[in-house]
Each structure stands twice: as C-alpha cells, then as structure tokens.
C-alpha cells in the first residue's frame, strides 16, 4: 500500500517515481522519465451523408392496402451512407441527396422519433381501470 501511495503521490505526466525493497530489507527510491507512445490523430467523426428515395405505401392491413386509405400514399425511405476517403456521397438507385458529406448530427430527430414511439405505446397500453 505504501509503495502505491508513493508512486501516485510523487509521479507526474512525464516522471515516474517508484520505491522498491532492496535485498538487504531497505528501500530504494528511483525516478525515471515517462511518456506514453504517440496515439496518432483520429478524425472528429466519420463523414456520412443522408439521402432519401421515394416510395409508395403498398403495405396491407385487415382493411386492405394502406396507401389507398391515405390522402397521399407517397413517402420517402431515408438512408445514411459512409462517404469514404473521396468524401463523395454514394447515391443508390433513385436516391436524392438530403445532407452532403460531413459530420451529421441527427440526434434531436432521433430523440423525437423515440419519444413518439414511446408515447404511442403508452396510448396502446391496456389497463383494467375504466376510461
């Protein structure tokens, strides 16, 4: 315990202090330079782009095709693509660019979607209490 306290109390970012026991039963205090190896640099984020492709709602339910019951059955599928080293968005067939390559932050949009699903699930919860 005292050796650990000695090391922690006397070491710095560039100097490592140590205290060890000698063969004669005494202690030897040493210091030596200390440095971590270079970790290199990493980018702040992976460049991505956001695209969308049009689709028609053709899903079915008990009442029939859902798209026939909507005012406008057209909607969009959203996609995220990694831009790679060329920093060019690889558009898929029929996709249009929504956000160019960069550090996108769609966290607020994701939170809204999760909250919407959570609240919709709360509305569907069956309870024994009269409503």
C-alpha atoms as a PDB file:
ATOM      1  CA  UNK A   1       0.000   0.000   0.000  1.00  0.00           C
ATOM      2  CA  UNK A   2       2.774   2.444   0.843  1.00  0.00           C
ATOM      3  CA  UNK A   3       4.523   1.780  -2.482  1.00  0.00           C
ATOM      4  CA  UNK A   4       1.319   2.597  -4.413  1.00  0.00           C
ATOM      5  CA  UNK A   5       0.812   5.766  -2.395  1.00  0.00           C
ATOM      6  CA  UNK A   6       4.442   6.764  -3.058  1.00  0.00           C
ATOM      7  CA  UNK A   7       4.071   6.244  -6.824  1.00  0.00           C
ATOM      8  CA  UNK A   8       0.781   8.164  -7.002  1.00  0.00           C
ATOM      9  CA  UNK A   9       1.989  10.975  -4.761  1.00  0.00           C
ATOM     10  CA  UNK A  10       5.313  11.660  -6.490  1.00  0.00           C
ATOM     11  CA  UNK A  11       4.749  10.796 -10.176  1.00  0.00           C
ATOM     12  CA  UNK A  12       3.819  13.334 -12.851  1.00  0.00           C
ATOM     13  CA  UNK A  13       2.807  13.173 -16.524  1.00  0.00           C
ATOM     14  CA  UNK A  14       6.480  12.985 -17.532  1.00  0.00           C
ATOM     15  CA  UNK A  15       8.189  11.454 -14.485  1.00  0.00           C
ATOM     16  CA  UNK A  16       7.615   8.066 -12.871  1.00  0.00           C
ATOM     17  CA  UNK A  17       8.647   7.746  -9.225  1.00  0.00           C
ATOM     18  CA  UNK A  18       8.973   4.345  -7.555  1.00  0.00           C
ATOM     19  CA  UNK A  19      10.054   2.868  -4.230  1.00  0.00           C
ATOM     20  CA  UNK A  20      11.115  -0.787  -4.062  1.00  0.00           C
ATOM     21  CA  UNK A  21      12.560  -3.052  -1.395  1.00  0.00           C
ATOM     22  CA  UNK A  22      16.195  -3.992  -1.599  1.00  0.00           C
ATOM     23  CA  UNK A  23      17.682  -7.404  -0.852  1.00  0.00           C
ATOM     24  CA  UNK A  24      19.020  -6.022   2.442  1.00  0.00           C
ATOM     25  CA  UNK A  25      15.496  -5.098   3.578  1.00  0.00           C
ATOM     26  CA  UNK A  26      15.717  -1.364   2.976  1.00  0.00           C
ATOM     27  CA  UNK A  27      14.009   0.716   0.304  1.00  0.00           C
ATOM     28  CA  UNK A  28      15.342   2.246  -2.893  1.00  0.00           C
ATOM     29  CA  UNK A  29      13.688   5.300  -4.387  1.00  0.00           C
ATOM     30  CA  UNK A  30      14.001   5.844  -8.130  1.00  0.00           C
ATOM     31  CA  UNK A  31      12.674   8.250 -10.728  1.00  0.00           C
ATOM     32  CA  UNK A  32      12.768   7.956 -14.499  1.00  0.00           C
ATOM     33  CA  UNK A  33      11.268   9.778 -17.456  1.00  0.00           C
ATOM     34  CA  UNK A  34       7.866   8.566 -18.521  1.00  0.00           C
ATOM     35  CA  UNK A  35       5.863   9.135 -21.675  1.00  0.00           C
ATOM     36  CA  UNK A  36       3.011   7.418 -23.452  1.00  0.00           C
ATOM     37  CA  UNK A  37       3.541   6.378 -27.063  1.00  0.00           C
ATOM     38  CA  UNK A  38       2.062   8.677 -29.685  1.00  0.00           C
ATOM     39  CA  UNK A  39      -1.513   7.601 -30.298  1.00  0.00           C
ATOM     40  CA  UNK A  40      -1.801   9.386 -33.618  1.00  0.00           C
ATOM     41  CA  UNK A  41      -4.690  11.538 -34.639  1.00  0.00           C
ATOM     42  CA  UNK A  42      -8.213  10.485 -35.451  1.00  0.00           C
ATOM     43  CA  UNK A  43     -10.896  12.453 -37.274  1.00  0.00           C
ATOM     44  CA  UNK A  44     -13.663  14.100 -35.253  1.00  0.00           C
ATOM     45  CA  UNK A  45     -16.223  11.898 -36.991  1.00  0.00           C
ATOM     46  CA  UNK A  46     -16.791   9.575 -39.916  1.00  0.00           C
ATOM     47  CA  UNK A  47     -18.121  11.628 -42.829  1.00  0.00           C
ATOM     48  CA  UNK A  48     -21.621  10.458 -43.762  1.00  0.00           C
ATOM     49  CA  UNK A  49     -24.376  11.726 -45.996  1.00  0.00           C
ATOM     50  CA  UNK A  50     -28.148  11.468 -45.775  1.00  0.00           C
ATOM     51  CA  UNK A  51     -30.266  10.537 -48.781  1.00  0.00           C
ATOM     52  CA  UNK A  52     -33.875   9.698 -49.455  1.00  0.00           C
ATOM     53  CA  UNK A  53     -35.697   7.662 -52.073  1.00  0.00           C
ATOM     54  CA  UNK A  54     -39.404   7.953 -52.907  1.00  0.00           C
ATOM     55  CA  UNK A  55     -41.696   5.023 -52.212  1.00  0.00           C
ATOM     56  CA  UNK A  56     -45.390   4.284 -52.413  1.00  0.00           C
ATOM     57  CA  UNK A  57     -47.071   2.779 -49.367  1.00  0.00           C
ATOM     58  CA  UNK A  58     -48.162  -0.687 -50.524  1.00  0.00           C
ATOM     59  CA  UNK A  59     -48.389  -2.311 -47.103  1.00  0.00           C
ATOM     60  CA  UNK A  60     -51.595  -4.117 -46.280  1.00  0.00           C
ATOM     61  CA  UNK A  61     -53.772  -4.394 -43.224  1.00  0.00           C
ATOM     62  CA  UNK A  62     -57.116  -6.031 -42.476  1.00  0.00           C
ATOM     63  CA  UNK A  63     -58.869  -3.143 -44.246  1.00  0.00           C
ATOM     64  CA  UNK A  64     -56.776  -3.550 -47.438  1.00  0.00           C
ATOM     65  CA  UNK A  65     -53.856  -1.627 -48.911  1.00  0.00           C
ATOM     66  CA  UNK A  66     -52.948   1.202 -46.548  1.00  0.00           C
ATOM     67  CA  UNK A  67     -51.907   3.531 -49.389  1.00  0.00           C
ATOM     68  CA  UNK A  68     -55.465   3.585 -50.747  1.00  0.00           C
ATOM     69  CA  UNK A  69     -56.728   4.915 -47.405  1.00  0.00           C
ATOM     70  CA  UNK A  70     -54.253   7.808 -47.263  1.00  0.00           C
ATOM     71  CA  UNK A  71     -54.563  11.237 -48.887  1.00  0.00           C
ATOM     72  CA  UNK A  72     -51.082  10.805 -50.374  1.00  0.00           C
ATOM     73  CA  UNK A  73     -49.565   7.299 -50.353  1.00  0.00           C
ATOM     74  CA  UNK A  74     -46.151   8.645 -51.430  1.00  0.00           C
ATOM     75  CA  UNK A  75     -43.426   8.881 -48.795  1.00  0.00           C
ATOM     76  CA  UNK A  76     -39.653   8.539 -48.555  1.00  0.00           C
ATOM     77  CA  UNK A  77     -37.181   5.984 -47.244  1.00  0.00           C
ATOM     78  CA  UNK A  78     -34.186   7.626 -45.550  1.00  0.00           C
ATOM     79  CA  UNK A  79     -30.655   6.241 -45.914  1.00  0.00           C
ATOM     80  CA  UNK A  80     -27.262   7.103 -44.405  1.00  0.00           C
ATOM     81  CA  UNK A  81     -24.099   6.330 -46.394  1.00  0.00           C
ATOM     82  CA  UNK A  82     -20.439   6.451 -45.392  1.00  0.00           C
ATOM     83  CA  UNK A  83     -18.641   8.893 -47.690  1.00  0.00           C
ATOM     84  CA  UNK A  84     -15.243   7.195 -47.582  1.00  0.00           C
ATOM     85  CA  UNK A  85     -11.908   8.840 -48.348  1.00  0.00           C
ATOM     86  CA  UNK A  86     -13.141  10.558 -51.527  1.00  0.00           C
ATOM     87  CA  UNK A  87     -15.766  12.479 -49.491  1.00  0.00           C
ATOM     88  CA  UNK A  88     -18.380  11.740 -52.154  1.00  0.00           C
ATOM     89  CA  UNK A  89     -21.874  10.517 -51.289  1.00  0.00           C
ATOM     90  CA  UNK A  90     -22.555   7.127 -52.952  1.00  0.00           C
ATOM     91  CA  UNK A  91     -26.169   7.646 -54.036  1.00  0.00           C
ATOM     92  CA  UNK A  92     -28.185   4.492 -54.575  1.00  0.00           C
ATOM     93  CA  UNK A  93     -30.715   3.989 -57.363  1.00  0.00           C
ATOM     94  CA  UNK A  94     -33.482   6.602 -57.203  1.00  0.00           C
ATOM     95  CA  UNK A  95     -31.976   8.389 -54.181  1.00  0.00           C
ATOM     96  CA  UNK A  96     -31.662  12.144 -53.835  1.00  0.00           C
ATOM     97  CA  UNK A  97     -29.221  13.930 -51.563  1.00  0.00           C
ATOM     98  CA  UNK A  98     -30.660  15.439 -48.358  1.00  0.00           C
ATOM     99  CA  UNK A  99     -27.423  16.303 -46.481  1.00  0.00           C
ATOM    100  CA  UNK A 100     -23.963  16.360 -48.062  1.00  0.00           C
ATOM    101  CA  UNK A 101     -20.946  14.522 -46.649  1.00  0.00           C
ATOM    102  CA  UNK A 102     -19.881  15.773 -43.243  1.00  0.00           C
ATOM    103  CA  UNK A 103     -20.303  15.301 -39.513  1.00  0.00           C
ATOM    104  CA  UNK A 104     -24.078  14.956 -39.349  1.00  0.00           C
ATOM    105  CA  UNK A 105     -25.875  15.258 -36.030  1.00  0.00           C
ATOM    106  CA  UNK A 106     -29.399  13.867 -36.299  1.00  0.00           C
ATOM    107  CA  UNK A 107     -29.636  13.165 -32.571  1.00  0.00           C
ATOM    108  CA  UNK A 108     -32.551  15.607 -31.986  1.00  0.00           C
ATOM    109  CA  UNK A 109     -34.519  13.945 -34.795  1.00  0.00           C
ATOM    110  CA  UNK A 110     -33.802  10.504 -33.324  1.00  0.00           C
ATOM    111  CA  UNK A 111     -34.973  11.637 -29.873  1.00  0.00           C
ATOM    112  CA  UNK A 112     -38.250  12.934 -31.313  1.00  0.00           C
ATOM    113  CA  UNK A 113     -38.842   9.624 -33.118  1.00  0.00           C
ATOM    114  CA  UNK A 114     -38.123   7.558 -29.998  1.00  0.00           C
ATOM    115  CA  UNK A 115     -40.362   9.772 -27.869  1.00  0.00           C
ATOM    116  CA  UNK A 116     -43.155   9.459 -30.450  1.00  0.00           C
ATOM    117  CA  UNK A 117     -42.925   5.666 -30.390  1.00  0.00           C
ATOM    118  CA  UNK A 118     -42.824   5.672 -26.566  1.00  0.00           C
ATOM    119  CA  UNK A 119     -45.900   7.862 -26.282  1.00  0.00           C
ATOM    120  CA  UNK A 120     -47.771   5.887 -28.948  1.00  0.00           C
ATOM    121  CA  UNK A 121     -47.041   2.713 -26.995  1.00  0.00           C
ATOM    122  CA  UNK A 122     -48.349   4.357 -23.836  1.00  0.00           C
ATOM    123  CA  UNK A 123     -51.613   5.146 -25.642  1.00  0.00           C
ATOM    124  CA  UNK A 124     -51.974   1.498 -26.624  1.00  0.00           C
ATOM    125  CA  UNK A 125     -51.455   0.127 -23.125  1.00  0.00           C
ATOM    126  CA  UNK A 126     -54.493  -1.689 -21.869  1.00  0.00           C
ATOM    127  CA  UNK A 127     -55.471  -1.100 -18.265  1.00  0.00           C
ATOM    128  CA  UNK A 128     -58.194  -2.536 -16.068  1.00  0.00           C
ATOM    129  CA  UNK A 129     -59.299   0.912 -14.916  1.00  0.00           C
ATOM    130  CA  UNK A 130     -62.359   2.409 -16.641  1.00  0.00           C
ATOM    131  CA  UNK A 131     -61.504   5.193 -19.071  1.00  0.00           C
END
